[in-house]
Amino acid sequence: MAAVSQSGNRVVVVLLHSNKGEETHQNIAYIHSMLGQLRLVAQTEGADMLTYLIDMAYLEAGDLQAGRCPLSQVRQSKPEPRS
């Protein structure tokens, strides 16, 4: 299940799942899919360096999705708001 909100020309999709493992897997799958689409747009526009960088991220997301490389073990917590 996904919650979608739009602000101006930005669309934000938040994926909602019942357990953390499923959530992580589906989030990575979503990222992989979006990067594939962005890669095609960058390639169509002739943005070679951007295409290359997006392609590297696309390949990394595919490796994460397939379990060929581990997720980072260190996750940053959100910083405390200043008073």
PDB file of N, CA and C in Angstrom:
ATOM      1  N   MET A   1       0.838  -1.165   0.000  1.00  0.00           N
ATOM      2  CA  MET A   1       0.000   0.000   0.000  1.00  0.00           C
ATOM      3  C   MET A   1       0.887   1.232   0.000  1.00  0.00           C
ATOM      4  N   ALA A   2       0.472   2.276  -0.707  1.00  0.00           N
ATOM      5  CA  ALA A   2       1.267   3.494  -0.778  1.00  0.00           C
ATOM      6  C   ALA A   2       0.394   4.711  -0.528  1.00  0.00           C
ATOM      7  N   ALA A   3       0.952   5.682   0.147  1.00  0.00           N
ATOM      8  CA  ALA A   3       0.302   6.972   0.332  1.00  0.00           C
ATOM      9  C   ALA A   3       1.018   7.957  -0.575  1.00  0.00           C
ATOM     10  N   VAL A   4       0.258   8.714  -1.359  1.00  0.00           N
ATOM     11  CA  VAL A   4       0.850   9.640  -2.317  1.00  0.00           C
ATOM     12  C   VAL A   4       0.412  11.049  -1.991  1.00  0.00           C
ATOM     13  N   SER A   5       1.357  11.977  -1.971  1.00  0.00           N
ATOM     14  CA  SER A   5       1.020  13.390  -1.816  1.00  0.00           C
ATOM     15  C   SER A   5       1.776  14.171  -2.875  1.00  0.00           C
ATOM     16  N   GLN A   6       1.201  15.285  -3.300  1.00  0.00           N
ATOM     17  CA  GLN A   6       1.833  16.092  -4.335  1.00  0.00           C
ATOM     18  C   GLN A   6       1.965  17.519  -3.847  1.00  0.00           C
ATOM     19  N   SER A   7       3.145  18.082  -4.055  1.00  0.00           N
ATOM     20  CA  SER A   7       3.430  19.460  -3.685  1.00  0.00           C
ATOM     21  C   SER A   7       4.091  20.136  -4.869  1.00  0.00           C
ATOM     22  N   GLY A   8       3.372  21.007  -5.540  1.00  0.00           N
ATOM     23  CA  GLY A   8       3.921  21.650  -6.730  1.00  0.00           C
ATOM     24  C   GLY A   8       4.183  20.617  -7.800  1.00  0.00           C
ATOM     25  N   ASN A   9       5.431  20.543  -8.264  1.00  0.00           N
ATOM     26  CA  ASN A   9       5.769  19.558  -9.289  1.00  0.00           C
ATOM     27  C   ASN A   9       6.450  18.332  -8.701  1.00  0.00           C
ATOM     28  N   ARG A  10       6.414  18.188  -7.355  1.00  0.00           N
ATOM     29  CA  ARG A  10       7.020  17.031  -6.689  1.00  0.00           C
ATOM     30  C   ARG A  10       5.949  16.070  -6.212  1.00  0.00           C
ATOM     31  N   VAL A  11       6.170  14.797  -6.444  1.00  0.00           N
ATOM     32  CA  VAL A  11       5.273  13.762  -5.946  1.00  0.00           C
ATOM     33  C   VAL A  11       6.032  12.946  -4.920  1.00  0.00           C
ATOM     34  N   VAL A  12       5.429  12.766  -3.746  1.00  0.00           N
ATOM     35  CA  VAL A  12       6.057  11.994  -2.684  1.00  0.00           C
ATOM     36  C   VAL A  12       5.227  10.742  -2.463  1.00  0.00           C
ATOM     37  N   VAL A  13       5.880   9.578  -2.519  1.00  0.00           N
ATOM     38  CA  VAL A  13       5.206   8.306  -2.297  1.00  0.00           C
ATOM     39  C   VAL A  13       5.798   7.679  -1.048  1.00  0.00           C
ATOM     40  N   VAL A  14       4.930   7.352  -0.102  1.00  0.00           N
ATOM     41  CA  VAL A  14       5.362   6.681   1.114  1.00  0.00           C
ATOM     42  C   VAL A  14       4.760   5.290   1.089  1.00  0.00           C
ATOM     43  N   LEU A  15       5.629   4.282   1.118  1.00  0.00           N
ATOM     44  CA  LEU A  15       5.163   2.908   1.090  1.00  0.00           C
ATOM     45  C   LEU A  15       4.852   2.439   2.499  1.00  0.00           C
ATOM     46  N   LEU A  16       3.693   1.821   2.671  1.00  0.00           N
ATOM     47  CA  LEU A  16       3.247   1.364   3.975  1.00  0.00           C
ATOM     48  C   LEU A  16       3.175  -0.161   3.989  1.00  0.00           C
ATOM     49  N   HIS A  17       3.828  -0.793   4.966  1.00  0.00           N
ATOM     50  CA  HIS A  17       3.892  -2.255   5.031  1.00  0.00           C
ATOM     51  C   HIS A  17       3.717  -2.718   6.465  1.00  0.00           C
ATOM     52  N   SER A  18       3.445  -4.003   6.594  1.00  0.00           N
ATOM     53  CA  SER A  18       3.186  -4.555   7.913  1.00  0.00           C
ATOM     54  C   SER A  18       4.454  -4.920   8.679  1.00  0.00           C
ATOM     55  N   ASN A  19       5.544  -5.241   8.007  1.00  0.00           N
ATOM     56  CA  ASN A  19       6.774  -5.553   8.737  1.00  0.00           C
ATOM     57  C   ASN A  19       7.978  -4.899   8.065  1.00  0.00           C
ATOM     58  N   LYS A  20       9.020  -4.691   8.844  1.00  0.00           N
ATOM     59  CA  LYS A  20      10.196  -3.940   8.398  1.00  0.00           C
ATOM     60  C   LYS A  20      10.921  -4.602   7.224  1.00  0.00           C
ATOM     61  N   GLY A  21      11.086  -5.920   7.239  1.00  0.00           N
ATOM     62  CA  GLY A  21      11.775  -6.610   6.147  1.00  0.00           C
ATOM     63  C   GLY A  21      11.047  -6.445   4.827  1.00  0.00           C
ATOM     64  N   GLU A  22       9.746  -6.603   4.856  1.00  0.00           N
ATOM     65  CA  GLU A  22       8.927  -6.429   3.656  1.00  0.00           C
ATOM     66  C   GLU A  22       8.983  -4.971   3.198  1.00  0.00           C
ATOM     67  N   GLU A  23       8.917  -4.062   4.150  1.00  0.00           N
ATOM     68  CA  GLU A  23       8.979  -2.636   3.835  1.00  0.00           C
ATOM     69  C   GLU A  23      10.291  -2.285   3.137  1.00  0.00           C
ATOM     70  N   THR A  24      11.390  -2.761   3.682  1.00  0.00           N
ATOM     71  CA  THR A  24      12.702  -2.483   3.095  1.00  0.00           C
ATOM     72  C   THR A  24      12.793  -3.047   1.686  1.00  0.00           C
ATOM     73  N   HIS A  25      12.373  -4.286   1.491  1.00  0.00           N
ATOM     74  CA  HIS A  25      12.449  -4.928   0.175  1.00  0.00           C
ATOM     75  C   HIS A  25      11.608  -4.170  -0.841  1.00  0.00           C
ATOM     76  N   GLN A  26      10.407  -3.785  -0.468  1.00  0.00           N
ATOM     77  CA  GLN A  26       9.535  -3.082  -1.406  1.00  0.00           C
ATOM     78  C   GLN A  26      10.019  -1.658  -1.659  1.00  0.00           C
ATOM     79  N   ASN A  27      10.597  -1.020  -0.658  1.00  0.00           N
ATOM     80  CA  ASN A  27      11.164   0.318  -0.867  1.00  0.00           C
ATOM     81  C   ASN A  27      12.328   0.266  -1.847  1.00  0.00           C
ATOM     82  N   ILE A  28      13.197  -0.739  -1.700  1.00  0.00           N
ATOM     83  CA  ILE A  28      14.329  -0.898  -2.624  1.00  0.00           C
ATOM     84  C   ILE A  28      13.810  -1.200  -4.033  1.00  0.00           C
ATOM     85  N   ALA A  29      12.781  -2.023  -4.146  1.00  0.00           N
ATOM     86  CA  ALA A  29      12.192  -2.330  -5.456  1.00  0.00           C
ATOM     87  C   ALA A  29      11.623  -1.058  -6.092  1.00  0.00           C
ATOM     88  N   TYR A  30      10.997  -0.218  -5.293  1.00  0.00           N
ATOM     89  CA  TYR A  30      10.437   1.043  -5.781  1.00  0.00           C
ATOM     90  C   TYR A  30      11.566   1.971  -6.260  1.00  0.00           C
ATOM     91  N   ILE A  31      12.610   2.085  -5.463  1.00  0.00           N
ATOM     92  CA  ILE A  31      13.761   2.912  -5.836  1.00  0.00           C
ATOM     93  C   ILE A  31      14.360   2.419  -7.148  1.00  0.00           C
ATOM     94  N   HIS A  32      14.527   1.106  -7.271  1.00  0.00           N
ATOM     95  CA  HIS A  32      15.082   0.492  -8.483  1.00  0.00           C
ATOM     96  C   HIS A  32      14.234   0.858  -9.700  1.00  0.00           C
ATOM     97  N   SER A  33      12.937   0.755  -9.558  1.00  0.00           N
ATOM     98  CA  SER A  33      12.019   1.073 -10.649  1.00  0.00           C
ATOM     99  C   SER A  33      12.109   2.547 -11.044  1.00  0.00           C
ATOM    100  N   MET A  34      12.092   3.435 -10.064  1.00  0.00           N
ATOM    101  CA  MET A  34      12.161   4.873 -10.346  1.00  0.00           C
ATOM    102  C   MET A  34      13.490   5.247 -11.002  1.00  0.00           C
ATOM    103  N   LEU A  35      14.586   4.649 -10.526  1.00  0.00           N
ATOM    104  CA  LEU A  35      15.888   4.925 -11.131  1.00  0.00           C
ATOM    105  C   LEU A  35      15.924   4.470 -12.587  1.00  0.00           C
ATOM    106  N   GLY A  36      15.282   3.353 -12.892  1.00  0.00           N
ATOM    107  CA  GLY A  36      15.210   2.883 -14.278  1.00  0.00           C
ATOM    108  C   GLY A  36      14.508   3.901 -15.167  1.00  0.00           C
ATOM    109  N   GLN A  37      13.434   4.482 -14.654  1.00  0.00           N
ATOM    110  CA  GLN A  37      12.708   5.492 -15.418  1.00  0.00           C
ATOM    111  C   GLN A  37      13.531   6.771 -15.569  1.00  0.00           C
ATOM    112  N   LEU A  38      14.181   7.189 -14.490  1.00  0.00           N
ATOM    113  CA  LEU A  38      15.015   8.391 -14.540  1.00  0.00           C
ATOM    114  C   LEU A  38      16.194   8.216 -15.500  1.00  0.00           C
ATOM    115  N   ARG A  39      16.739   7.010 -15.526  1.00  0.00           N
ATOM    116  CA  ARG A  39      17.854   6.718 -16.430  1.00  0.00           C
ATOM    117  C   ARG A  39      17.428   6.922 -17.883  1.00  0.00           C
ATOM    118  N   LEU A  40      16.224   6.456 -18.224  1.00  0.00           N
ATOM    119  CA  LEU A  40      15.728   6.626 -19.594  1.00  0.00           C
ATOM    120  C   LEU A  40      15.526   8.098 -19.939  1.00  0.00           C
ATOM    121  N   VAL A  41      15.015   8.871 -18.995  1.00  0.00           N
ATOM    122  CA  VAL A  41      14.817  10.307 -19.235  1.00  0.00           C
ATOM    123  C   VAL A  41      16.165  10.987 -19.451  1.00  0.00           C
ATOM    124  N   ALA A  42      17.125  10.706 -18.578  1.00  0.00           N
ATOM    125  CA  ALA A  42      18.458  11.320 -18.703  1.00  0.00           C
ATOM    126  C   ALA A  42      19.115  10.922 -20.020  1.00  0.00           C
ATOM    127  N   GLN A  43      18.969   9.674 -20.397  1.00  0.00           N
ATOM    128  CA  GLN A  43      19.563   9.190 -21.647  1.00  0.00           C
ATOM    129  C   GLN A  43      18.910   9.883 -22.846  1.00  0.00           C
ATOM    130  N   THR A  44      17.591  10.009 -22.819  1.00  0.00           N
ATOM    131  CA  THR A  44      16.857  10.670 -23.897  1.00  0.00           C
ATOM    132  C   THR A  44      17.292  12.125 -24.047  1.00  0.00           C
ATOM    133  N   GLU A  45      17.587  12.764 -22.928  1.00  0.00           N
ATOM    134  CA  GLU A  45      17.994  14.171 -22.949  1.00  0.00           C
ATOM    135  C   GLU A  45      19.472  14.356 -23.282  1.00  0.00           C
ATOM    136  N   GLY A  46      20.214  13.273 -23.413  1.00  0.00           N
ATOM    137  CA  GLY A  46      21.622  13.363 -23.759  1.00  0.00           C
ATOM    138  C   GLY A  46      22.516  13.769 -22.595  1.00  0.00           C
ATOM    139  N   ALA A  47      22.036  13.561 -21.377  1.00  0.00           N
ATOM    140  CA  ALA A  47      22.811  13.903 -20.181  1.00  0.00           C
ATOM    141  C   ALA A  47      23.670  12.694 -19.810  1.00  0.00           C
ATOM    142  N   ASP A  48      24.818  12.574 -20.456  1.00  0.00           N
ATOM    143  CA  ASP A  48      25.645  11.373 -20.326  1.00  0.00           C
ATOM    144  C   ASP A  48      26.130  11.113 -18.897  1.00  0.00           C
ATOM    145  N   MET A  49      26.652  12.138 -18.225  1.00  0.00           N
ATOM    146  CA  MET A  49      27.150  11.938 -16.867  1.00  0.00           C
ATOM    147  C   MET A  49      26.007  11.599 -15.914  1.00  0.00           C
ATOM    148  N   LEU A  50      24.890  12.280 -16.054  1.00  0.00           N
ATOM    149  CA  LEU A  50      23.738  11.991 -15.213  1.00  0.00           C
ATOM    150  C   LEU A  50      23.225  10.578 -15.472  1.00  0.00           C
ATOM    151  N   THR A  51      23.187  10.173 -16.731  1.00  0.00           N
ATOM    152  CA  THR A  51      22.778   8.808 -17.081  1.00  0.00           C
ATOM    153  C   THR A  51      23.697   7.799 -16.402  1.00  0.00           C
ATOM    154  N   TYR A  52      24.994   8.057 -16.452  1.00  0.00           N
ATOM    155  CA  TYR A  52      25.966   7.152 -15.841  1.00  0.00           C
ATOM    156  C   TYR A  52      25.749   7.046 -14.326  1.00  0.00           C
ATOM    157  N   LEU A  53      25.599   8.190 -13.662  1.00  0.00           N
ATOM    158  CA  LEU A  53      25.427   8.182 -12.203  1.00  0.00           C
ATOM    159  C   LEU A  53      24.124   7.495 -11.794  1.00  0.00           C
ATOM    160  N   ILE A  54      23.052   7.775 -12.529  1.00  0.00           N
ATOM    161  CA  ILE A  54      21.776   7.112 -12.232  1.00  0.00           C
ATOM    162  C   ILE A  54      21.901   5.618 -12.491  1.00  0.00           C
ATOM    163  N   ASP A  55      22.623   5.244 -13.547  1.00  0.00           N
ATOM    164  CA  ASP A  55      22.818   3.826 -13.851  1.00  0.00           C
ATOM    165  C   ASP A  55      23.573   3.114 -12.735  1.00  0.00           C
ATOM    166  N   MET A  56      24.580   3.771 -12.157  1.00  0.00           N
ATOM    167  CA  MET A  56      25.312   3.178 -11.030  1.00  0.00           C
ATOM    168  C   MET A  56      24.367   2.949  -9.842  1.00  0.00           C
ATOM    169  N   ALA A  57      23.515   3.929  -9.550  1.00  0.00           N
ATOM    170  CA  ALA A  57      22.547   3.784  -8.461  1.00  0.00           C
ATOM    171  C   ALA A  57      21.525   2.689  -8.790  1.00  0.00           C
ATOM    172  N   TYR A  58      21.110   2.609 -10.056  1.00  0.00           N
ATOM    173  CA  TYR A  58      20.177   1.576 -10.503  1.00  0.00           C
ATOM    174  C   TYR A  58      20.763   0.176 -10.288  1.00  0.00           C
ATOM    175  N   LEU A  59      22.044   0.020 -10.666  1.00  0.00           N
ATOM    176  CA  LEU A  59      22.706  -1.277 -10.481  1.00  0.00           C
ATOM    177  C   LEU A  59      22.836  -1.621  -8.997  1.00  0.00           C
ATOM    178  N   GLU A  60      23.179  -0.636  -8.174  1.00  0.00           N
ATOM    179  CA  GLU A  60      23.289  -0.858  -6.727  1.00  0.00           C
ATOM    180  C   GLU A  60      21.938  -1.275  -6.137  1.00  0.00           C
ATOM    181  N   ALA A  61      20.875  -0.590  -6.535  1.00  0.00           N
ATOM    182  CA  ALA A  61      19.537  -0.945  -6.044  1.00  0.00           C
ATOM    183  C   ALA A  61      19.165  -2.360  -6.480  1.00  0.00           C
ATOM    184  N   GLY A  62      19.534  -2.735  -7.699  1.00  0.00           N
ATOM    185  CA  GLY A  62      19.267  -4.093  -8.180  1.00  0.00           C
ATOM    186  C   GLY A  62      20.022  -5.132  -7.376  1.00  0.00           C
ATOM    187  N   ASP A  63      21.281  -4.830  -7.047  1.00  0.00           N
ATOM    188  CA  ASP A  63      22.069  -5.747  -6.213  1.00  0.00           C
ATOM    189  C   ASP A  63      21.468  -5.878  -4.815  1.00  0.00           C
ATOM    190  N   LEU A  64      21.033  -4.764  -4.241  1.00  0.00           N
ATOM    191  CA  LEU A  64      20.389  -4.812  -2.919  1.00  0.00           C
ATOM    192  C   LEU A  64      19.102  -5.628  -2.980  1.00  0.00           C
ATOM    193  N   GLN A  65      18.322  -5.387  -4.012  1.00  0.00           N
ATOM    194  CA  GLN A  65      17.046  -6.085  -4.171  1.00  0.00           C
ATOM    195  C   GLN A  65      17.250  -7.590  -4.319  1.00  0.00           C
ATOM    196  N   ALA A  66      18.300  -7.982  -5.036  1.00  0.00           N
ATOM    197  CA  ALA A  66      18.572  -9.400  -5.270  1.00  0.00           C
ATOM    198  C   ALA A  66      19.347 -10.048  -4.125  1.00  0.00           C
ATOM    199  N   GLY A  67      19.782  -9.249  -3.159  1.00  0.00           N
ATOM    200  CA  GLY A  67      20.532  -9.791  -2.035  1.00  0.00           C
ATOM    201  C   GLY A  67      21.998 -10.048  -2.352  1.00  0.00           C
ATOM    202  N   ARG A  68      22.506  -9.464  -3.447  1.00  0.00           N
ATOM    203  CA  ARG A  68      23.907  -9.664  -3.821  1.00  0.00           C
ATOM    204  C   ARG A  68      24.861  -8.807  -2.992  1.00  0.00           C
ATOM    205  N   CYS A  69      24.342  -7.800  -2.312  1.00  0.00           N
ATOM    206  CA  CYS A  69      25.160  -7.001  -1.402  1.00  0.00           C
ATOM    207  C   CYS A  69      24.282  -6.605  -0.212  1.00  0.00           C
ATOM    208  N   PRO A  70      24.887  -6.466   0.956  1.00  0.00           N
ATOM    209  CA  PRO A  70      24.099  -6.178   2.161  1.00  0.00           C
ATOM    210  C   PRO A  70      23.731  -4.697   2.263  1.00  0.00           C
ATOM    211  N   LEU A  71      22.653  -4.443   2.972  1.00  0.00           N
ATOM    212  CA  LEU A  71      22.300  -3.070   3.315  1.00  0.00           C
ATOM    213  C   LEU A  71      23.302  -2.551   4.332  1.00  0.00           C
ATOM    214  N   SER A  72      23.444  -1.267   4.397  1.00  0.00           N
ATOM    215  CA  SER A  72      24.312  -0.654   5.393  1.00  0.00           C
ATOM    216  C   SER A  72      23.822  -1.031   6.787  1.00  0.00           C
ATOM    217  N   GLN A  73      24.751  -1.365   7.665  1.00  0.00           N
ATOM    218  CA  GLN A  73      24.389  -1.725   9.037  1.00  0.00           C
ATOM    219  C   GLN A  73      24.235  -0.506   9.926  1.00  0.00           C
ATOM    220  N   VAL A  74      24.798   0.621   9.497  1.00  0.00           N
ATOM    221  CA  VAL A  74      24.729   1.848  10.287  1.00  0.00           C
ATOM    222  C   VAL A  74      23.631   2.729   9.713  1.00  0.00           C
ATOM    223  N   ARG A  75      22.640   2.999  10.524  1.00  0.00           N
ATOM    224  CA  ARG A  75      21.563   3.883  10.099  1.00  0.00           C
ATOM    225  C   ARG A  75      21.575   5.107  10.980  1.00  0.00           C
ATOM    226  N   GLN A  76      21.574   6.249  10.356  1.00  0.00           N
ATOM    227  CA  GLN A  76      21.562   7.500  11.096  1.00  0.00           C
ATOM    228  C   GLN A  76      20.163   7.722  11.656  1.00  0.00           C
ATOM    229  N   SER A  77      20.091   8.130  12.930  1.00  0.00           N
ATOM    230  CA  SER A  77      18.797   8.506  13.481  1.00  0.00           C
ATOM    231  C   SER A  77      18.546   9.962  13.135  1.00  0.00           C
ATOM    232  N   LYS A  78      17.286  10.352  13.152  1.00  0.00           N
ATOM    233  CA  LYS A  78      16.961  11.740  12.868  1.00  0.00           C
ATOM    234  C   LYS A  78      17.509  12.624  13.977  1.00  0.00           C
ATOM    235  N   PRO A  79      18.105  13.746  13.615  1.00  0.00           N
ATOM    236  CA  PRO A  79      18.633  14.630  14.654  1.00  0.00           C
ATOM    237  C   PRO A  79      17.511  15.238  15.484  1.00  0.00           C
ATOM    238  N   GLU A  80      17.809  15.468  16.744  1.00  0.00           N
ATOM    239  CA  GLU A  80      16.855  16.099  17.644  1.00  0.00           C
ATOM    240  C   GLU A  80      16.655  17.548  17.207  1.00  0.00           C
ATOM    241  N   PRO A  81      15.398  18.028  17.194  1.00  0.00           N
ATOM    242  CA  PRO A  81      15.182  19.429  16.835  1.00  0.00           C
ATOM    243  C   PRO A  81      15.765  20.347  17.904  1.00  0.00           C
ATOM    244  N   ARG A  82      16.320  21.468  17.455  1.00  0.00           N
ATOM    245  CA  ARG A  82      16.886  22.432  18.405  1.00  0.00           C
ATOM    246  C   ARG A  82      15.786  23.232  19.063  1.00  0.00           C
ATOM    247  N   SER A  83      15.983  23.551  20.327  1.00  0.00           N
ATOM    248  CA  SER A  83      14.965  24.339  21.035  1.00  0.00           C
ATOM    249  C   SER A  83      15.211  25.812  20.865  1.00  0.00           C
TER     250      SER A  83
END
